[in-house]
C-alpha atoms as a PDB file:
ATOM      1  CA  MET A   1     -19.687  93.571 -33.835  1.00  0.00           C
ATOM      2  CA  THR A   2     -18.228  90.350 -35.149  1.00  0.00           C
ATOM      3  CA  TYR A   3     -17.973  88.374 -31.880  1.00  0.00           C
ATOM      4  CA  GLY A   4     -14.934  86.445 -33.149  1.00  0.00           C
ATOM      5  CA  MET A   5     -16.717  85.040 -36.202  1.00  0.00           C
ATOM      6  CA  SER A   6     -14.715  83.506 -39.007  1.00  0.00           C
ATOM      7  CA  ASP A   7     -14.221  85.414 -42.249  1.00  0.00           C
ATOM      8  CA  SER A   8     -16.282  82.826 -44.110  1.00  0.00           C
ATOM      9  CA  LEU A   9     -19.244  83.418 -41.795  1.00  0.00           C
ATOM     10  CA  LEU A  10     -18.854  87.176 -41.977  1.00  0.00           C
ATOM     11  CA  GLY A  11     -18.714  86.990 -45.771  1.00  0.00           C
ATOM     12  CA  SER A  12     -21.832  84.838 -46.039  1.00  0.00           C
ATOM     13  CA  ASP A  13     -25.389  86.018 -46.317  1.00  0.00           C
ATOM     14  CA  LEU A  14     -26.242  84.181 -43.099  1.00  0.00           C
ATOM     15  CA  LEU A  15     -25.819  87.269 -40.933  1.00  0.00           C
ATOM     16  CA  GLN A  16     -28.059  89.287 -43.219  1.00  0.00           C
ATOM     17  CA  ARG A  17     -30.664  86.544 -43.103  1.00  0.00           C
ATOM     18  CA  ILE A  18     -30.505  86.410 -39.313  1.00  0.00           C
ATOM     19  CA  SER A  19     -30.827  90.174 -39.003  1.00  0.00           C
ATOM     20  CA  SER A  20     -34.004  90.016 -41.088  1.00  0.00           C
ATOM     21  CA  LEU A  21     -35.662  87.576 -38.661  1.00  0.00           C
ATOM     22  CA  SER A  22     -38.341  88.690 -36.246  1.00  0.00           C
ATOM     23  CA  THR A  23     -37.369  89.123 -32.601  1.00  0.00           C
ATOM     24  CA  GLN A  24     -39.305  85.960 -31.700  1.00  0.00           C
ATOM     25  CA  ASP A  25     -37.520  83.927 -34.384  1.00  0.00           C
ATOM     26  CA  LYS A  26     -34.158  85.258 -33.188  1.00  0.00           C
ATOM     27  CA  ARG A  27     -35.005  84.149 -29.641  1.00  0.00           C
ATOM     28  CA  CYS A  28     -35.949  80.696 -30.911  1.00  0.00           C
ATOM     29  CA  LEU A  29     -32.713  80.515 -32.889  1.00  0.00           C
ATOM     30  CA  ILE A  30     -30.686  81.520 -29.827  1.00  0.00           C
ATOM     31  CA  SER A  31     -32.420  78.839 -27.745  1.00  0.00           C
ATOM     32  CA  TYR A  32     -31.782  76.227 -30.413  1.00  0.00           C
ATOM     33  CA  ILE A  33     -28.115  77.152 -30.768  1.00  0.00           C
ATOM     34  CA  SER A  34     -27.668  77.243 -26.977  1.00  0.00           C
ATOM     35  CA  GLU A  35     -29.099  73.732 -26.659  1.00  0.00           C
ATOM     36  CA  GLU A  36     -26.857  72.485 -29.483  1.00  0.00           C
ATOM     37  CA  VAL A  37     -23.748  74.027 -27.923  1.00  0.00           C
ATOM     38  CA  GLU A  38     -24.630  72.599 -24.512  1.00  0.00           C
ATOM     39  CA  ALA A  39     -25.149  69.119 -25.990  1.00  0.00           C
ATOM     40  CA  GLU A  40     -21.846  69.313 -27.865  1.00  0.00           C
ATOM     41  CA  GLN A  41     -20.077  70.475 -24.716  1.00  0.00           C
ATOM     42  CA  MET A  42     -21.515  67.529 -22.797  1.00  0.00           C
ATOM     43  CA  GLU A  43     -20.270  65.161 -25.509  1.00  0.00           C
ATOM     44  CA  ASP A  44     -16.842  66.791 -25.401  1.00  0.00           C
ATOM     45  CA  ASP A  45     -16.767  66.473 -21.608  1.00  0.00           C
ATOM     46  CA  GLU A  46     -17.701  62.772 -21.836  1.00  0.00           C
ATOM     47  CA  TRP A  47     -14.991  62.224 -24.443  1.00  0.00           C
ATOM     48  CA  GLU A  48     -12.390  63.880 -22.231  1.00  0.00           C
ATOM     49  CA  ARG A  49     -13.445  61.802 -19.199  1.00  0.00           C
ATOM     50  CA  GLU A  50     -13.338  58.516 -21.101  1.00  0.00           C
ATOM     51  CA  ASP A  51     -10.681  56.182 -19.729  1.00  0.00           C
ATOM     52  CA  THR A  52      -8.318  55.383 -22.578  1.00  0.00           C
ATOM     53  CA  SER A  53      -5.505  53.974 -20.463  1.00  0.00           C
ATOM     54  CA  ASN A  54      -6.398  50.399 -21.411  1.00  0.00           C
ATOM     55  CA  LEU A  55      -6.564  51.013 -25.174  1.00  0.00           C
ATOM     56  CA  GLU A  56      -3.974  49.492 -27.438  1.00  0.00           C
ATOM     57  CA  PRO A  57      -3.329  50.063 -31.135  1.00  0.00           C
ATOM     58  CA  TYR A  58      -4.824  47.654 -33.649  1.00  0.00           C
ATOM     59  CA  THR A  59      -2.567  44.957 -35.052  1.00  0.00           C
ATOM     60  CA  LEU A  60      -2.250  44.680 -38.823  1.00  0.00           C
ATOM     61  CA  GLU A  61      -4.347  41.522 -38.684  1.00  0.00           C
ATOM     62  CA  GLU A  62      -7.125  43.368 -36.862  1.00  0.00           C
ATOM     63  CA  LEU A  63      -7.017  46.210 -39.373  1.00  0.00           C
ATOM     64  CA  TYR A  64      -7.177  43.790 -42.294  1.00  0.00           C
ATOM     65  CA  ALA A  65     -10.116  42.003 -40.624  1.00  0.00           C
ATOM     66  CA  ARG A  66     -11.975  45.309 -40.252  1.00  0.00           C
ATOM     67  CA  ILE A  67     -11.322  46.178 -43.890  1.00  0.00           C
ATOM     68  CA  GLN A  68     -12.537  42.731 -44.967  1.00  0.00           C
ATOM     69  CA  GLU A  69     -15.699  43.074 -42.884  1.00  0.00           C
ATOM     70  CA  SER A  70     -16.398  46.461 -44.504  1.00  0.00           C
ATOM     71  CA  GLU A  71     -15.920  45.008 -47.968  1.00  0.00           C
ATOM     72  CA  ASP A  72     -18.196  42.080 -47.074  1.00  0.00           C
ATOM     73  CA  GLN A  73     -20.895  44.497 -45.860  1.00  0.00           C
ATOM     74  CA  ILE A  74     -20.680  46.395 -49.141  1.00  0.00           C
ATOM     75  CA  SER A  75     -20.958  43.122 -51.079  1.00  0.00           C
ATOM     76  CA  ARG A  76     -24.095  42.233 -49.077  1.00  0.00           C
ATOM     77  CA  GLY A  77     -25.575  45.651 -49.840  1.00  0.00           C
ATOM     78  CA  GLU A  78     -25.317  46.804 -46.221  1.00  0.00           C
ATOM     79  CA  TYR A  79     -24.523  50.441 -46.840  1.00  0.00           C
ATOM     80  CA  PHE A  80     -26.196  53.796 -47.376  1.00  0.00           C
ATOM     81  CA  THR A  81     -26.154  55.606 -50.690  1.00  0.00           C
ATOM     82  CA  GLU A  82     -25.200  59.258 -50.862  1.00  0.00           C
ATOM     83  CA  GLU A  83     -28.840  60.124 -51.553  1.00  0.00           C
ATOM     84  CA  GLU A  84     -29.989  58.244 -48.439  1.00  0.00           C
ATOM     85  CA  VAL A  85     -27.419  60.014 -46.279  1.00  0.00           C
ATOM     86  CA  ARG A  86     -28.332  63.418 -47.695  1.00  0.00           C
ATOM     87  CA  LYS A  87     -32.049  62.752 -47.117  1.00  0.00           C
ATOM     88  CA  GLU A  88     -31.437  61.699 -43.516  1.00  0.00           C
ATOM     89  CA  LEU A  89     -29.230  64.736 -42.852  1.00  0.00           C
ATOM     90  CA  LYS A  90     -31.833  67.099 -44.294  1.00  0.00           C
ATOM     91  CA  GLU A  91     -34.510  65.525 -42.106  1.00  0.00           C
ATOM     92  CA  GLU A  92     -32.328  65.824 -39.017  1.00  0.00           C
ATOM     93  CA  PHE A  93     -30.919  69.259 -39.788  1.00  0.00           C
ATOM     94  CA  LEU A  94     -33.777  71.185 -41.338  1.00  0.00           C
ATOM     95  CA  TRP A  95     -31.622  74.249 -41.949  1.00  0.00           C
ATOM     96  CA  LEU A  96     -29.644  72.323 -44.608  1.00  0.00           C
ATOM     97  CA  GLN A  97     -32.532  72.560 -47.060  1.00  0.00           C
END
């Protein structure tokens, strides 16, 4: 059964790796995925409930100010390198390793 999976997932070795897990590990994986999906659904629900009726588009001046602030932050060294971002992602999402 494919359960509506994308072709890229079906063509990957992920399914083979999952099928080789012990029953206990599969249960843990299911619990983890269920929690992730529930958290994402809650975020989606919050996003949909957010009141956007009072939002207005940025003016060109506001956009230019935001761009300038970003450039100033870069000049001050207030940014993350690609290596720092990758390290943080790997720490947060252990399965990326």
